[in-house]
């Protein structure tokens, strides 16, 4: 049996290879995303930021991070 040592995901439409068992919170921290100014979607579902550590990323997961921009 082969050991999986890489996980392929998409973040904002771009392919990214990450370590196995990486949480969504680890990814956000690694990408230096300012949590107070974004909305995060995991596989087309909005994520409560309190649950980021509980979500372990798997192959083919799709993440969208949307930044809030003020204007008028």
N, C-alpha and C. Protein backbone atom coordinates (compact mmCIF):
# COMPACT_ATOMS: atom_id res chain seq x y z
N UNK A 1 0.84 -1.17 0.00
CA UNK A 1 0.00 0.00 0.00
C UNK A 1 0.89 1.25 0.00
N UNK A 2 0.57 2.21 -0.87
CA UNK A 2 1.36 3.43 -0.95
C UNK A 2 0.98 4.41 0.15
N UNK A 3 1.96 5.08 0.66
CA UNK A 3 1.72 6.10 1.66
C UNK A 3 1.54 7.45 0.94
N UNK A 4 0.46 8.14 1.26
CA UNK A 4 0.20 9.43 0.64
C UNK A 4 0.97 10.49 1.42
N UNK A 5 1.85 11.22 0.72
CA UNK A 5 2.62 12.23 1.42
C UNK A 5 2.37 13.64 0.90
N UNK A 6 1.43 13.78 -0.03
CA UNK A 6 1.08 15.10 -0.54
C UNK A 6 -0.42 15.16 -0.80
N UNK A 7 -0.97 16.32 -0.54
CA UNK A 7 -2.40 16.54 -0.77
C UNK A 7 -2.53 17.69 -1.76
N UNK A 8 -3.32 17.47 -2.80
CA UNK A 8 -3.51 18.50 -3.83
C UNK A 8 -4.87 19.16 -3.64
N UNK A 9 -4.85 20.49 -3.47
CA UNK A 9 -6.09 21.25 -3.29
C UNK A 9 -6.09 22.41 -4.28
N UNK A 10 -7.21 23.15 -4.30
CA UNK A 10 -7.29 24.39 -5.06
C UNK A 10 -7.64 25.50 -4.08
N UNK A 11 -6.90 26.59 -4.18
CA UNK A 11 -7.18 27.76 -3.36
C UNK A 11 -7.34 28.96 -4.29
N UNK A 12 -8.53 29.53 -4.30
CA UNK A 12 -8.88 30.62 -5.20
C UNK A 12 -8.56 30.26 -6.66
N UNK A 13 -8.84 29.02 -7.03
CA UNK A 13 -8.67 28.56 -8.40
C UNK A 13 -7.27 28.10 -8.76
N UNK A 14 -6.30 28.26 -7.88
CA UNK A 14 -4.92 27.85 -8.16
C UNK A 14 -4.61 26.55 -7.45
N UNK A 15 -3.90 25.67 -8.15
CA UNK A 15 -3.51 24.38 -7.56
C UNK A 15 -2.42 24.62 -6.52
N UNK A 16 -2.51 23.85 -5.44
CA UNK A 16 -1.53 23.94 -4.37
C UNK A 16 -1.32 22.55 -3.78
N UNK A 17 -0.08 22.19 -3.51
CA UNK A 17 0.25 20.92 -2.87
C UNK A 17 0.62 21.22 -1.43
N UNK A 18 -0.04 20.53 -0.51
CA UNK A 18 0.20 20.76 0.92
C UNK A 18 0.55 19.44 1.61
N UNK A 19 0.94 19.55 2.88
CA UNK A 19 1.26 18.36 3.67
C UNK A 19 -0.03 17.65 4.08
N UNK A 20 0.04 16.34 4.24
CA UNK A 20 -1.14 15.61 4.73
C UNK A 20 -1.52 16.07 6.13
N UNK A 21 -2.79 15.95 6.46
CA UNK A 21 -3.33 16.27 7.78
C UNK A 21 -3.22 17.75 8.13
N UNK A 22 -3.10 18.61 7.13
CA UNK A 22 -3.05 20.05 7.37
C UNK A 22 -4.47 20.56 7.58
N UNK A 23 -4.65 21.37 8.61
CA UNK A 23 -5.97 21.92 8.86
C UNK A 23 -6.16 23.19 8.03
N UNK A 24 -7.40 23.60 7.91
CA UNK A 24 -7.71 24.82 7.19
C UNK A 24 -7.07 26.01 7.90
N UNK A 25 -7.02 25.97 9.23
CA UNK A 25 -6.36 27.06 9.98
C UNK A 25 -4.87 27.11 9.65
N UNK A 26 -4.21 25.96 9.57
CA UNK A 26 -2.78 25.92 9.21
C UNK A 26 -2.56 26.55 7.85
N UNK A 27 -3.44 26.24 6.91
CA UNK A 27 -3.33 26.79 5.55
C UNK A 27 -3.48 28.31 5.57
N UNK A 28 -4.49 28.80 6.29
CA UNK A 28 -4.74 30.24 6.35
C UNK A 28 -3.54 30.97 6.98
N UNK A 29 -2.99 30.42 8.04
CA UNK A 29 -1.82 31.02 8.69
C UNK A 29 -0.63 30.99 7.74
N UNK A 30 -0.44 29.86 7.07
CA UNK A 30 0.67 29.69 6.13
C UNK A 30 0.58 30.69 4.97
N UNK A 31 -0.64 30.99 4.54
CA UNK A 31 -0.86 31.92 3.42
C UNK A 31 -0.90 33.38 3.90
N UNK A 32 -0.75 33.60 5.20
CA UNK A 32 -0.75 34.94 5.81
C UNK A 32 -2.03 35.71 5.50
N UNK A 33 -3.15 35.04 5.68
CA UNK A 33 -4.45 35.63 5.43
C UNK A 33 -4.93 36.35 6.69
N UNK A 34 -5.32 37.63 6.57
CA UNK A 34 -5.84 38.35 7.74
C UNK A 34 -7.28 37.91 8.05
N UNK A 35 -7.45 37.07 9.05
CA UNK A 35 -8.75 36.44 9.33
C UNK A 35 -9.89 37.43 9.55
N UNK A 36 -9.61 38.59 10.08
CA UNK A 36 -10.68 39.55 10.37
C UNK A 36 -11.23 40.21 9.10
N UNK A 37 -10.52 40.07 7.99
CA UNK A 37 -10.93 40.77 6.77
C UNK A 37 -11.30 39.84 5.62
N UNK A 38 -11.63 38.59 5.94
CA UNK A 38 -11.94 37.63 4.88
C UNK A 38 -13.14 36.76 5.23
N UNK A 39 -13.71 36.16 4.19
CA UNK A 39 -14.69 35.08 4.33
C UNK A 39 -14.05 33.86 3.68
N UNK A 40 -14.23 32.69 4.29
CA UNK A 40 -13.59 31.47 3.78
C UNK A 40 -14.66 30.45 3.43
N UNK A 41 -14.49 29.85 2.26
CA UNK A 41 -15.41 28.84 1.77
C UNK A 41 -14.61 27.55 1.55
N UNK A 42 -15.15 26.44 2.07
CA UNK A 42 -14.52 25.13 1.91
C UNK A 42 -15.51 24.23 1.18
N UNK A 43 -15.14 23.82 -0.03
CA UNK A 43 -16.02 22.98 -0.86
C UNK A 43 -17.43 23.57 -0.98
N UNK A 44 -17.47 24.85 -1.30
CA UNK A 44 -18.70 25.60 -1.58
C UNK A 44 -19.58 25.84 -0.37
N UNK A 45 -19.01 25.72 0.84
CA UNK A 45 -19.75 26.02 2.06
C UNK A 45 -18.97 27.04 2.87
N UNK A 46 -19.65 28.08 3.33
CA UNK A 46 -19.02 29.10 4.17
C UNK A 46 -18.59 28.46 5.49
N UNK A 47 -17.38 28.79 5.93
CA UNK A 47 -16.83 28.20 7.15
C UNK A 47 -16.89 29.21 8.30
N UNK A 48 -17.37 28.75 9.44
CA UNK A 48 -17.30 29.55 10.65
C UNK A 48 -15.82 29.56 11.08
N UNK A 49 -15.26 30.71 11.27
CA UNK A 49 -13.83 30.82 11.58
C UNK A 49 -13.44 30.11 12.87
N UNK A 50 -14.40 29.89 13.75
CA UNK A 50 -14.13 29.16 14.99
C UNK A 50 -13.83 27.69 14.72
N UNK A 51 -14.22 27.18 13.55
CA UNK A 51 -14.05 25.76 13.22
C UNK A 51 -12.87 25.48 12.29
N UNK A 52 -12.04 26.47 12.02
CA UNK A 52 -10.95 26.28 11.06
C UNK A 52 -10.00 25.15 11.45
N UNK A 53 -9.71 25.01 12.74
CA UNK A 53 -8.76 23.98 13.19
C UNK A 53 -9.34 22.58 13.03
N UNK A 54 -10.65 22.45 13.05
CA UNK A 54 -11.30 21.13 12.95
C UNK A 54 -11.34 20.58 11.53
N UNK A 55 -11.19 21.44 10.53
CA UNK A 55 -11.30 21.00 9.14
C UNK A 55 -9.93 20.57 8.63
N UNK A 56 -9.80 19.27 8.37
CA UNK A 56 -8.56 18.71 7.84
C UNK A 56 -8.71 18.62 6.33
N UNK A 57 -7.76 19.21 5.61
CA UNK A 57 -7.86 19.27 4.15
C UNK A 57 -7.52 17.92 3.51
N UNK A 58 -8.27 17.60 2.45
CA UNK A 58 -8.09 16.34 1.72
C UNK A 58 -7.89 16.63 0.24
N UNK A 59 -7.45 15.62 -0.50
CA UNK A 59 -7.28 15.75 -1.95
C UNK A 59 -8.53 16.31 -2.59
N UNK A 60 -8.35 17.21 -3.53
CA UNK A 60 -9.42 17.80 -4.34
C UNK A 60 -10.30 18.80 -3.59
N UNK A 61 -9.96 19.15 -2.35
CA UNK A 61 -10.72 20.19 -1.66
C UNK A 61 -10.55 21.51 -2.39
N UNK A 62 -11.60 22.32 -2.34
CA UNK A 62 -11.57 23.64 -2.97
C UNK A 62 -11.80 24.70 -1.91
N UNK A 63 -10.88 25.64 -1.82
CA UNK A 63 -10.93 26.72 -0.85
C UNK A 63 -11.04 28.04 -1.61
N UNK A 64 -11.97 28.87 -1.17
CA UNK A 64 -12.08 30.23 -1.71
C UNK A 64 -11.95 31.18 -0.53
N UNK A 65 -11.07 32.16 -0.68
CA UNK A 65 -10.88 33.17 0.35
C UNK A 65 -11.20 34.52 -0.28
N UNK A 66 -12.21 35.18 0.27
CA UNK A 66 -12.67 36.45 -0.28
C UNK A 66 -12.33 37.56 0.70
N UNK A 67 -11.61 38.56 0.22
CA UNK A 67 -11.22 39.70 1.05
C UNK A 67 -12.29 40.77 0.99
N UNK A 68 -12.58 41.37 2.14
CA UNK A 68 -13.54 42.48 2.21
C UNK A 68 -12.80 43.77 1.85
N UNK A 69 -13.41 44.57 0.98
CA UNK A 69 -12.83 45.84 0.59
C UNK A 69 -13.88 46.92 0.78
N UNK A 70 -13.52 47.96 1.51
CA UNK A 70 -14.46 49.07 1.73
C UNK A 70 -14.46 50.00 0.52
N UNK A 71 -15.51 50.72 0.38
CA UNK A 71 -15.60 51.67 -0.72
C UNK A 71 -16.88 52.47 -0.59
N UNK A 72 -17.08 53.30 -1.55
CA UNK A 72 -18.30 54.07 -1.43
C UNK A 72 -18.72 54.75 -2.67
